[in-house]
N, C-alpha and C. Protein backbone atom coordinates (compact mmCIF):
# COMPACT_ATOMS: atom_id res chain seq x y z
N MET A 1 -42.37 -14.14 85.58
CA MET A 1 -41.33 -15.01 85.99
C MET A 1 -40.20 -14.02 84.88
N VAL A 2 -38.83 -13.54 85.41
CA VAL A 2 -38.01 -12.68 84.67
C VAL A 2 -36.89 -13.55 84.63
N SER A 3 -36.16 -14.20 83.25
CA SER A 3 -35.48 -14.43 83.17
C SER A 3 -34.27 -13.87 82.53
N THR A 4 -32.99 -14.25 82.78
CA THR A 4 -31.85 -14.05 82.60
C THR A 4 -31.71 -13.04 80.82
N PHE A 5 -32.39 -13.42 80.24
CA PHE A 5 -32.28 -13.09 78.94
C PHE A 5 -33.44 -11.67 78.80
N ASN A 6 -34.60 -11.81 79.92
CA ASN A 6 -35.51 -10.76 79.86
C ASN A 6 -34.76 -9.30 80.78
N ILE A 7 -33.87 -10.08 81.61
CA ILE A 7 -33.08 -8.88 82.58
C ILE A 7 -31.80 -8.54 80.90
N PHE A 8 -31.46 -9.28 79.90
CA PHE A 8 -30.54 -8.64 79.19
C PHE A 8 -31.32 -7.62 78.23
N ARG A 9 -32.55 -7.90 78.10
CA ARG A 9 -33.61 -6.90 77.31
C ARG A 9 -33.82 -5.70 78.02
N MET A 10 -33.87 -6.01 79.52
CA MET A 10 -34.01 -4.38 80.35
C MET A 10 -32.70 -3.98 80.18
N ALA A 11 -31.20 -4.87 80.52
CA ALA A 11 -30.49 -3.94 80.48
C ALA A 11 -29.65 -3.14 79.10
N HIS A 12 -29.98 -3.77 78.00
CA HIS A 12 -29.26 -3.49 76.85
C HIS A 12 -30.30 -3.16 75.54
N ASP A 13 -31.24 -3.30 75.88
CA ASP A 13 -32.57 -3.43 74.78
C ASP A 13 -31.92 -4.12 73.70
N ARG A 14 -31.77 -5.34 73.90
CA ARG A 14 -31.90 -6.88 72.97
C ARG A 14 -33.03 -7.91 73.44
N THR A 15 -33.30 -8.14 72.26
CA THR A 15 -34.58 -8.95 72.66
C THR A 15 -34.21 -10.06 72.08
N LEU A 16 -34.20 -11.43 72.95
CA LEU A 16 -33.88 -12.75 72.25
C LEU A 16 -34.85 -13.38 71.14
N LEU A 17 -34.19 -13.96 70.66
CA LEU A 17 -34.87 -14.12 69.14
C LEU A 17 -35.65 -15.80 69.17
N CYS A 18 -34.40 -16.50 69.78
CA CYS A 18 -34.51 -17.88 69.86
C CYS A 18 -34.24 -18.65 71.18
N ALA A 19 -33.77 -19.70 71.35
CA ALA A 19 -33.82 -20.48 72.58
C ALA A 19 -32.33 -20.49 72.07
N PRO A 20 -31.14 -19.89 73.36
CA PRO A 20 -29.79 -19.73 73.19
C PRO A 20 -29.08 -21.38 73.29
N GLU A 21 -28.16 -21.34 72.55
CA GLU A 21 -27.04 -22.78 72.15
C GLU A 21 -25.91 -22.60 73.40
N VAL A 22 -25.87 -23.57 73.64
CA VAL A 22 -24.89 -23.69 75.36
C VAL A 22 -24.31 -25.32 75.27
N SER A 23 -22.83 -24.90 75.32
CA SER A 23 -22.10 -26.04 75.02
C SER A 23 -20.77 -25.67 76.06
N SER A 24 -20.01 -26.89 75.90
CA SER A 24 -18.54 -26.86 76.79
C SER A 24 -17.89 -27.18 75.92
N PRO A 25 -17.13 -26.21 75.26
CA PRO A 25 -16.01 -27.33 74.13
C PRO A 25 -14.58 -27.33 74.90
N SER A 26 -14.77 -27.26 76.00
CA SER A 26 -13.38 -27.57 77.30
C SER A 26 -14.15 -27.95 78.29
N PRO A 27 -13.03 -28.57 79.19
CA PRO A 27 -14.27 -28.72 80.29
C PRO A 27 -14.14 -27.39 81.56
N PHE A 28 -12.99 -26.56 80.70
CA PHE A 28 -13.21 -25.44 81.73
C PHE A 28 -13.59 -24.29 80.72
N ALA A 29 -14.39 -24.64 80.29
CA ALA A 29 -14.89 -23.32 78.79
C ALA A 29 -16.64 -23.77 78.83
N ARG A 30 -17.76 -22.59 78.94
CA ARG A 30 -18.89 -22.25 78.41
C ARG A 30 -18.94 -21.63 77.50
N ARG A 31 -19.95 -22.32 76.75
CA ARG A 31 -20.16 -21.16 75.56
C ARG A 31 -21.63 -20.98 75.27
N VAL A 32 -22.13 -19.67 75.57
CA VAL A 32 -23.93 -19.58 74.77
C VAL A 32 -23.39 -18.68 73.68
N VAL A 33 -24.15 -19.24 72.83
CA VAL A 33 -24.80 -18.24 71.48
C VAL A 33 -26.25 -18.21 71.12
N ALA A 34 -26.77 -17.02 71.27
CA ALA A 34 -27.59 -16.69 71.53
C ALA A 34 -27.80 -15.53 69.90
N LYS A 35 -29.24 -15.15 69.61
CA LYS A 35 -29.26 -14.10 68.58
C LYS A 35 -30.41 -13.19 69.26
N PHE A 36 -30.30 -12.20 68.70
CA PHE A 36 -31.05 -11.14 69.25
C PHE A 36 -31.52 -9.94 68.77
N GLU A 37 -32.12 -9.13 68.40
CA GLU A 37 -32.47 -7.84 67.87
C GLU A 37 -32.54 -6.86 68.63
N VAL A 38 -31.66 -5.93 67.83
CA VAL A 38 -31.08 -4.52 68.65
C VAL A 38 -32.83 -3.72 68.62
N SER A 39 -33.29 -3.61 69.91
CA SER A 39 -34.79 -3.47 69.54
C SER A 39 -35.01 -1.77 70.39
N GLY A 40 -33.97 -1.65 71.28
CA GLY A 40 -33.95 -0.05 71.66
C GLY A 40 -34.15 1.07 70.65
N ASN A 41 -34.49 2.43 71.39
CA ASN A 41 -34.65 3.68 70.76
C ASN A 41 -33.26 4.50 71.19
N SER A 42 -32.28 4.29 71.64
CA SER A 42 -31.23 4.96 72.28
C SER A 42 -30.50 5.64 71.13
N TYR A 43 -29.71 6.48 71.01
CA TYR A 43 -29.21 7.10 69.95
C TYR A 43 -28.05 6.25 69.62
N GLN A 44 -27.83 5.72 70.40
CA GLN A 44 -26.27 4.11 70.08
C GLN A 44 -27.16 2.92 69.81
N ASP A 45 -28.24 2.83 69.82
CA ASP A 45 -29.15 1.41 69.19
C ASP A 45 -29.52 2.18 67.89
N ARG A 46 -29.95 3.29 67.52
CA ARG A 46 -30.36 3.45 66.34
C ARG A 46 -28.85 3.73 65.16
N ILE A 47 -27.82 4.47 65.92
CA ILE A 47 -26.44 4.00 65.33
C ILE A 47 -26.18 2.32 64.76
N THR A 48 -26.29 1.46 65.64
CA THR A 48 -25.91 0.58 65.30
C THR A 48 -26.60 -0.08 64.41
N ARG A 49 -28.28 -0.11 64.55
CA ARG A 49 -29.50 -0.81 63.40
C ARG A 49 -28.54 0.00 61.81
N ARG A 50 -28.38 0.91 61.74
CA ARG A 50 -28.28 1.63 60.84
C ARG A 50 -26.31 1.08 60.03
N LEU A 51 -25.82 1.01 60.97
CA LEU A 51 -24.47 1.01 60.33
C LEU A 51 -24.13 -0.62 60.47
N ALA A 52 -24.70 -1.21 61.23
CA ALA A 52 -23.92 -2.60 61.72
C ALA A 52 -25.39 -3.70 61.13
N GLY A 53 -26.46 -3.04 61.41
CA GLY A 53 -27.71 -4.16 61.33
C GLY A 53 -28.93 -4.09 62.64
N PRO A 54 -29.94 -4.82 62.16
CA PRO A 54 -30.88 -4.52 63.20
C PRO A 54 -30.94 -6.20 64.44
N ARG A 55 -30.09 -7.14 63.86
CA ARG A 55 -29.97 -8.29 64.65
C ARG A 55 -28.46 -8.83 64.50
N VAL A 56 -28.31 -9.16 65.70
CA VAL A 56 -26.63 -9.63 66.27
C VAL A 56 -26.96 -11.27 66.63
N THR A 57 -25.41 -11.90 66.65
CA THR A 57 -25.42 -13.58 67.23
C THR A 57 -24.25 -12.86 67.83
N MET A 58 -24.78 -13.35 69.18
CA MET A 58 -23.75 -13.22 70.28
C MET A 58 -22.72 -14.46 70.51
N ASP A 59 -22.08 -14.57 70.30
CA ASP A 59 -20.89 -15.81 70.73
C ASP A 59 -20.01 -15.41 71.85
N VAL A 60 -20.35 -16.20 73.02
CA VAL A 60 -19.49 -15.90 74.49
C VAL A 60 -19.03 -17.03 74.81
N THR A 61 -18.00 -16.82 75.15
CA THR A 61 -17.61 -18.28 75.80
C THR A 61 -16.17 -17.81 76.81
N VAL A 62 -16.39 -18.29 77.78
CA VAL A 62 -16.12 -17.91 79.28
C VAL A 62 -15.51 -19.44 79.93
N TRP A 63 -14.23 -18.95 79.79
CA TRP A 63 -12.78 -19.54 80.40
C TRP A 63 -12.80 -19.38 81.86
N CYS A 64 -13.01 -20.52 82.54
CA CYS A 64 -12.87 -20.43 84.11
C CYS A 64 -13.38 -19.45 85.07
N GLY A 65 -14.77 -18.80 84.22
CA GLY A 65 -15.33 -17.82 84.91
C GLY A 65 -14.87 -16.04 84.94
N SER A 66 -13.46 -16.32 84.50
CA SER A 66 -12.84 -14.70 84.35
C SER A 66 -12.44 -14.49 83.33
N LEU A 67 -12.33 -15.14 82.28
CA LEU A 67 -11.55 -14.30 81.05
C LEU A 67 -12.89 -14.92 80.00
N ILE A 68 -13.35 -13.86 79.43
CA ILE A 68 -14.89 -14.05 78.42
C ILE A 68 -14.28 -13.49 77.09
N LEU A 69 -14.58 -14.33 76.09
CA LEU A 69 -14.16 -13.91 75.00
C LEU A 69 -15.36 -13.56 73.91
N VAL A 70 -15.32 -12.53 73.25
CA VAL A 70 -17.15 -12.20 72.52
C VAL A 70 -17.04 -12.38 71.50
N ARG A 71 -17.54 -12.56 70.50
CA ARG A 71 -18.49 -12.13 69.06
C ARG A 71 -19.50 -11.89 68.89
N ALA A 72 -19.48 -10.37 68.37
CA ALA A 72 -20.63 -10.24 68.07
C ALA A 72 -21.26 -10.11 66.45
N GLU A 73 -21.84 -10.90 65.97
CA GLU A 73 -21.85 -10.69 64.43
C GLU A 73 -22.76 -10.05 64.20
N PHE A 74 -22.79 -8.91 63.43
CA PHE A 74 -24.02 -8.68 62.61
C PHE A 74 -24.14 -8.61 61.21
N GLU A 75 -25.21 -8.27 60.39
CA GLU A 75 -25.18 -8.56 59.03
C GLU A 75 -24.01 -7.85 58.17
N ARG A 76 -23.94 -6.40 58.91
CA ARG A 76 -22.92 -5.92 58.13
C ARG A 76 -21.41 -5.95 58.76
N THR A 77 -21.61 -6.16 59.73
CA THR A 77 -19.81 -6.19 60.69
C THR A 77 -19.95 -7.31 62.12
N THR A 78 -18.34 -7.12 62.26
CA THR A 78 -18.56 -8.64 63.35
C THR A 78 -17.36 -7.63 64.67
N SER A 79 -17.99 -7.61 65.48
CA SER A 79 -16.95 -6.88 66.66
C SER A 79 -16.47 -8.33 67.60
N PHE A 80 -15.21 -7.99 67.93
CA PHE A 80 -14.76 -8.82 69.04
C PHE A 80 -14.01 -8.23 70.17
N GLY A 81 -14.18 -8.63 71.19
CA GLY A 81 -13.70 -8.46 72.61
C GLY A 81 -13.33 -9.50 73.20
N ILE A 82 -12.84 -9.27 74.03
CA ILE A 82 -12.33 -9.96 75.79
C ILE A 82 -12.57 -9.09 76.86
N LEU A 83 -13.48 -9.89 77.88
CA LEU A 83 -13.09 -9.44 78.83
C LEU A 83 -12.78 -9.79 79.77
N ASN A 84 -11.87 -9.43 81.13
CA ASN A 84 -11.24 -10.33 81.81
C ASN A 84 -11.89 -9.58 83.46
N VAL A 85 -12.26 -10.76 84.34
CA VAL A 85 -12.97 -10.61 85.61
C VAL A 85 -11.99 -10.78 86.46
N LEU A 86 -11.73 -9.65 87.23
CA LEU A 86 -10.83 -10.15 88.52
C LEU A 86 -11.64 -9.89 89.83
N PRO A 87 -11.86 -10.84 90.73
CA PRO A 87 -12.43 -10.75 92.12
C PRO A 87 -11.49 -9.86 92.91
N ILE A 88 -12.04 -8.83 93.57
CA ILE A 88 -10.92 -8.18 94.53
C ILE A 88 -11.17 -8.43 95.81
N ASP A 89 -12.46 -8.16 95.94
CA ASP A 89 -13.10 -9.07 97.45
C ASP A 89 -14.62 -9.27 97.07
N GLY A 90 -14.91 -9.71 98.36
CA GLY A 90 -16.19 -10.38 98.42
C GLY A 90 -17.46 -9.46 97.94
N GLN A 91 -17.06 -8.24 97.87
CA GLN A 91 -17.90 -7.34 97.16
C GLN A 91 -17.93 -6.12 95.94
N HIS A 92 -16.32 -6.87 95.73
CA HIS A 92 -16.07 -5.48 94.04
C HIS A 92 -15.18 -6.75 93.37
N THR A 93 -15.43 -6.22 92.20
CA THR A 93 -14.81 -7.26 91.06
C THR A 93 -14.49 -5.93 89.73
N ARG A 94 -12.91 -6.26 89.34
CA ARG A 94 -12.43 -5.39 88.27
C ARG A 94 -12.90 -6.16 87.20
N GLY A 95 -13.16 -5.09 85.98
CA GLY A 95 -13.15 -5.77 84.55
C GLY A 95 -12.26 -4.94 83.77
N ARG A 96 -11.93 -5.59 82.99
CA ARG A 96 -10.89 -5.06 81.61
C ARG A 96 -11.70 -5.43 80.41
N VAL A 97 -11.60 -4.45 79.59
CA VAL A 97 -12.33 -4.74 78.32
C VAL A 97 -11.41 -4.49 77.18
N ILE A 98 -10.88 -5.70 76.39
CA ILE A 98 -10.29 -5.01 75.29
C ILE A 98 -11.09 -5.51 73.80
N VAL A 99 -10.88 -4.31 73.06
CA VAL A 99 -11.90 -4.63 71.78
C VAL A 99 -10.70 -4.78 70.79
N TRP A 100 -11.16 -5.36 69.94
CA TRP A 100 -10.58 -5.57 68.52
C TRP A 100 -10.92 -5.52 67.41
N VAL A 101 -10.62 -5.31 66.20
CA VAL A 101 -11.10 -5.16 64.42
C VAL A 101 -10.37 -6.16 63.77
N ARG A 102 -10.89 -6.29 62.68
CA ARG A 102 -10.11 -6.86 61.56
C ARG A 102 -9.19 -5.73 61.23
N ARG A 103 -8.04 -5.89 60.52
CA ARG A 103 -7.41 -5.36 59.87
C ARG A 103 -7.70 -4.67 58.39
N SER A 104 -7.57 -3.46 57.97
CA SER A 104 -7.71 -3.42 56.47
C SER A 104 -6.75 -4.17 56.00
N PRO A 105 -7.03 -4.34 54.41
CA PRO A 105 -5.98 -4.89 53.70
C PRO A 105 -5.07 -3.90 53.33
N GLY A 106 -5.07 -2.44 52.84
CA GLY A 106 -4.05 -1.71 52.50
C GLY A 106 -3.81 -0.68 53.93
N THR A 107 -2.83 -0.24 53.41
CA THR A 107 -1.49 0.55 54.20
C THR A 107 -2.45 2.00 54.54
N LEU A 108 -2.97 2.47 53.82
CA LEU A 108 -3.91 3.70 54.12
C LEU A 108 -4.81 2.98 55.28
N GLY A 109 -5.75 2.02 55.03
CA GLY A 109 -6.74 1.89 56.08
C GLY A 109 -6.35 1.45 57.16
N ARG A 110 -4.95 0.95 57.19
CA ARG A 110 -4.36 0.62 58.38
C ARG A 110 -4.16 1.57 59.31
N LEU A 111 -3.28 2.56 58.63
CA LEU A 111 -3.09 3.88 59.25
C LEU A 111 -4.12 4.94 59.68
N LEU A 112 -5.08 5.20 58.69
CA LEU A 112 -6.33 6.23 58.97
C LEU A 112 -7.56 5.23 59.65
N PHE A 113 -7.99 4.59 58.73
CA PHE A 113 -9.39 4.07 58.93
C PHE A 113 -9.22 3.13 60.47
N ASP A 114 -8.54 1.76 60.27
CA ASP A 114 -8.16 0.94 61.65
C ASP A 114 -8.54 1.36 62.73
N PRO A 115 -7.31 2.55 63.38
CA PRO A 115 -7.36 3.38 64.63
C PRO A 115 -8.66 3.72 65.09
N LEU A 116 -9.38 4.40 63.86
CA LEU A 116 -11.02 5.31 64.14
C LEU A 116 -11.97 4.56 64.36
N ASN A 117 -11.94 2.72 63.61
CA ASN A 117 -13.01 1.89 63.47
C ASN A 117 -12.59 1.50 65.10
N ALA A 118 -11.56 0.97 65.55
CA ALA A 118 -11.23 0.52 66.68
C ALA A 118 -11.56 1.57 67.62
N ALA A 119 -11.46 3.02 67.81
CA ALA A 119 -11.99 3.85 69.04
C ALA A 119 -13.82 3.97 68.93
N ILE A 120 -14.31 3.91 67.83
CA ILE A 120 -15.33 3.99 67.84
C ILE A 120 -16.03 2.74 68.48
N ARG A 121 -15.69 1.54 67.76
CA ARG A 121 -16.37 0.47 68.25
C ARG A 121 -16.07 0.25 70.15
N ARG A 122 -14.65 0.71 70.32
CA ARG A 122 -14.49 0.53 71.85
C ARG A 122 -15.28 1.47 72.59
N TRP A 123 -15.63 2.43 72.12
CA TRP A 123 -16.33 3.69 72.91
C TRP A 123 -17.87 2.59 72.79
N MET A 124 -18.45 2.22 71.58
CA MET A 124 -19.80 1.81 71.54
C MET A 124 -19.81 0.60 72.72
N ILE A 125 -18.65 -0.28 72.77
CA ILE A 125 -18.98 -1.33 73.41
C ILE A 125 -18.90 -0.59 75.13
N GLN A 126 -18.52 -0.35 75.59
CA GLN A 126 -18.00 0.52 76.61
C GLN A 126 -19.08 0.76 77.13
N THR A 127 -19.54 1.87 76.40
CA THR A 127 -21.39 2.37 76.35
C THR A 127 -22.19 1.29 77.07
N PHE A 128 -22.14 0.18 76.06
CA PHE A 128 -23.11 -1.18 76.00
C PHE A 128 -22.86 -2.07 77.52
N LEU A 129 -21.95 -1.66 78.11
CA LEU A 129 -21.54 -2.49 79.58
C LEU A 129 -21.66 -1.61 80.12
N ARG A 130 -21.66 -0.30 80.15
CA ARG A 130 -21.73 0.77 81.26
C ARG A 130 -22.79 0.62 81.83
N SER A 131 -23.86 0.14 80.77
CA SER A 131 -25.65 0.33 81.29
C SER A 131 -25.73 -0.75 82.33
N ASP A 132 -24.87 -1.62 82.64
CA ASP A 132 -25.55 -2.76 83.46
C ASP A 132 -24.82 -2.34 84.50
N LEU A 133 -23.60 -1.39 84.67
CA LEU A 133 -23.25 -0.90 86.27
C LEU A 133 -24.28 -0.64 87.34
N PRO A 134 -24.86 0.06 87.02
CA PRO A 134 -26.22 0.46 87.91
C PRO A 134 -27.30 -0.76 88.51
N LEU A 135 -27.33 -1.66 87.05
CA LEU A 135 -28.18 -2.69 87.56
C LEU A 135 -27.60 -3.94 88.44
N ILE A 136 -26.52 -4.24 88.20
CA ILE A 136 -25.67 -5.30 88.70
C ILE A 136 -24.79 -4.70 90.12
N ALA A 137 -24.95 -3.46 90.36
CA ALA A 137 -24.06 -2.58 91.73
C ALA A 137 -24.98 -3.48 93.42
N GLY A 138 -23.79 -4.64 93.61
CA GLY A 138 -24.60 -4.93 94.90
C GLY A 138 -25.27 -6.30 94.86
N LEU A 139 -25.61 -6.53 93.40
CA LEU A 139 -26.28 -7.96 92.85
C LEU A 139 -25.38 -9.20 93.58
N ARG A 140 -26.38 -9.90 94.18
CA ARG A 140 -25.57 -11.28 94.79
C ARG A 140 -26.65 -12.41 94.33
N TYR A 141 -25.90 -13.48 93.54
CA TYR A 141 -26.85 -14.20 92.40
C TYR A 141 -26.95 -15.53 94.17
N GLN A 142 -28.45 -15.74 94.33
CA GLN A 142 -27.99 -17.00 95.31
C GLN A 142 -28.93 -17.92 94.21
N THR A 143 -28.30 -19.05 93.73
CA THR A 143 -28.56 -20.02 92.99
C THR A 143 -30.18 -21.04 93.45
N GLY A 144 -30.33 -20.79 94.93
CA GLY A 144 -32.06 -20.98 95.30
C GLY A 144 -33.09 -20.40 94.80
N ASN A 145 -32.82 -19.22 94.79
CA ASN A 145 -33.88 -18.29 94.15
C ASN A 145 -33.85 -18.11 92.59
N LEU A 146 -32.79 -19.13 91.90
CA LEU A 146 -33.57 -19.21 90.62
C LEU A 146 -34.50 -19.80 89.72
N THR A 147 -35.44 -19.62 89.00
CA THR A 147 -36.53 -19.86 88.64
C THR A 147 -36.56 -21.00 87.18
N THR A 148 -37.24 -21.77 86.87
CA THR A 148 -36.80 -22.31 85.49
C THR A 148 -37.07 -21.73 84.25
N ALA A 149 -37.10 -20.46 84.23
CA ALA A 149 -36.86 -19.12 83.07
C ALA A 149 -35.15 -19.11 83.68
N ASP A 150 -34.53 -19.33 84.53
CA ASP A 150 -33.35 -18.87 84.70
C ASP A 150 -32.13 -20.23 84.49
N THR A 151 -32.61 -21.40 83.42
CA THR A 151 -32.17 -22.41 83.43
C THR A 151 -30.71 -22.27 83.18
N VAL A 152 -30.53 -21.60 81.59
CA VAL A 152 -29.16 -21.07 81.56
C VAL A 152 -27.92 -20.64 82.57
N LEU A 153 -28.45 -19.74 83.45
CA LEU A 153 -27.87 -19.13 84.58
C LEU A 153 -27.76 -20.46 85.98
N ALA A 154 -28.97 -20.93 85.58
CA ALA A 154 -28.49 -22.34 86.79
C ALA A 154 -27.55 -23.41 86.10
N GLU A 155 -27.45 -23.52 85.19
CA GLU A 155 -26.54 -24.55 84.52
C GLU A 155 -25.19 -23.74 84.49
N TYR A 156 -24.66 -22.83 84.41
CA TYR A 156 -23.85 -21.89 84.08
C TYR A 156 -23.26 -21.92 85.85
N PHE A 157 -23.61 -21.82 86.70
CA PHE A 157 -23.15 -21.80 87.98
C PHE A 157 -22.71 -22.97 88.28
N ALA A 158 -23.94 -24.13 87.80
CA ALA A 158 -23.56 -25.67 88.15
C ALA A 158 -22.02 -25.42 87.61
N TRP A 159 -21.96 -25.13 86.43
CA TRP A 159 -20.41 -25.74 86.10
C TRP A 159 -19.62 -24.88 86.35
N LEU A 160 -19.75 -23.61 86.59
CA LEU A 160 -18.68 -22.77 87.58
C LEU A 160 -18.14 -23.25 88.91
N GLU A 161 -19.26 -23.91 89.80
CA GLU A 161 -18.47 -24.64 91.12
C GLU A 161 -18.23 -26.01 90.75
N LYS A 162 -18.36 -26.47 89.20
CA LYS A 162 -18.00 -27.77 89.41
C LYS A 162 -16.20 -27.55 89.14
N ILE A 163 -16.08 -26.99 87.89
CA ILE A 163 -14.35 -26.53 87.88
C ILE A 163 -13.70 -25.76 88.73
N ALA A 164 -14.19 -25.38 90.00
CA ALA A 164 -14.07 -24.45 91.00
C ALA A 164 -13.22 -25.34 91.96
N GLU A 165 -13.74 -26.82 91.83
CA GLU A 165 -13.44 -27.70 93.00
C GLU A 165 -12.10 -28.57 92.58
N PRO A 166 -11.30 -28.15 93.34
CA PRO A 166 -9.86 -28.95 92.69
C PRO A 166 -9.99 -30.65 92.92
N THR A 167 -9.56 -31.09 91.99
CA THR A 167 -9.53 -32.52 92.02
C THR A 167 -7.81 -32.91 92.40
N PRO A 168 -7.84 -34.27 92.79
CA PRO A 168 -6.59 -34.62 93.17
C PRO A 168 -5.40 -34.36 92.19
N GLU A 169 -5.74 -34.72 91.13
CA GLU A 169 -4.59 -34.01 90.03
C GLU A 169 -4.08 -32.61 90.14
N ASP A 170 -5.16 -31.45 90.50
CA ASP A 170 -5.00 -30.19 90.82
C ASP A 170 -3.88 -30.09 92.00
N ILE A 171 -4.25 -30.96 92.67
CA ILE A 171 -3.08 -30.85 94.33
C ILE A 171 -1.68 -31.53 94.10
N ILE A 172 -1.16 -30.35 94.34
CA ILE A 172 0.78 -30.79 94.18
C ILE A 172 1.26 -30.97 95.39
């Protein structure tokens, strides 16, 4: 039985350490907080473990299915990002990733360190996400095929379907 988080292990070499915490901070938001170990042996994973730490807490909040806010908190650093997902047609989706870092306290740090820090993080995150593309190309989720190991994903789809249905207040 392959769960959504086992797929995360296959795509990103991250091992789920405990059950994810799922909540809805708003009727239009779905939040998942999960703790992972960076368990891969790629060059990027070795750099991540050395510079950031071996474990990460991913805090992901999805707003209406298309705006995804991510906070990746490691032992020694935290990365922030926004992913905007725009369906183009039934077969294609466009994604835009924005990465940002905390500002350095001094002017010299803001002028020299911050742009380099942002560029490195942007490259690391884009490389991390790019590994998904071959795995998800042409993928079509069919909720009827999900198993009990996919409970978090099944609940997400149910939430997404619910918010997509217009209510009488939404109709003008």
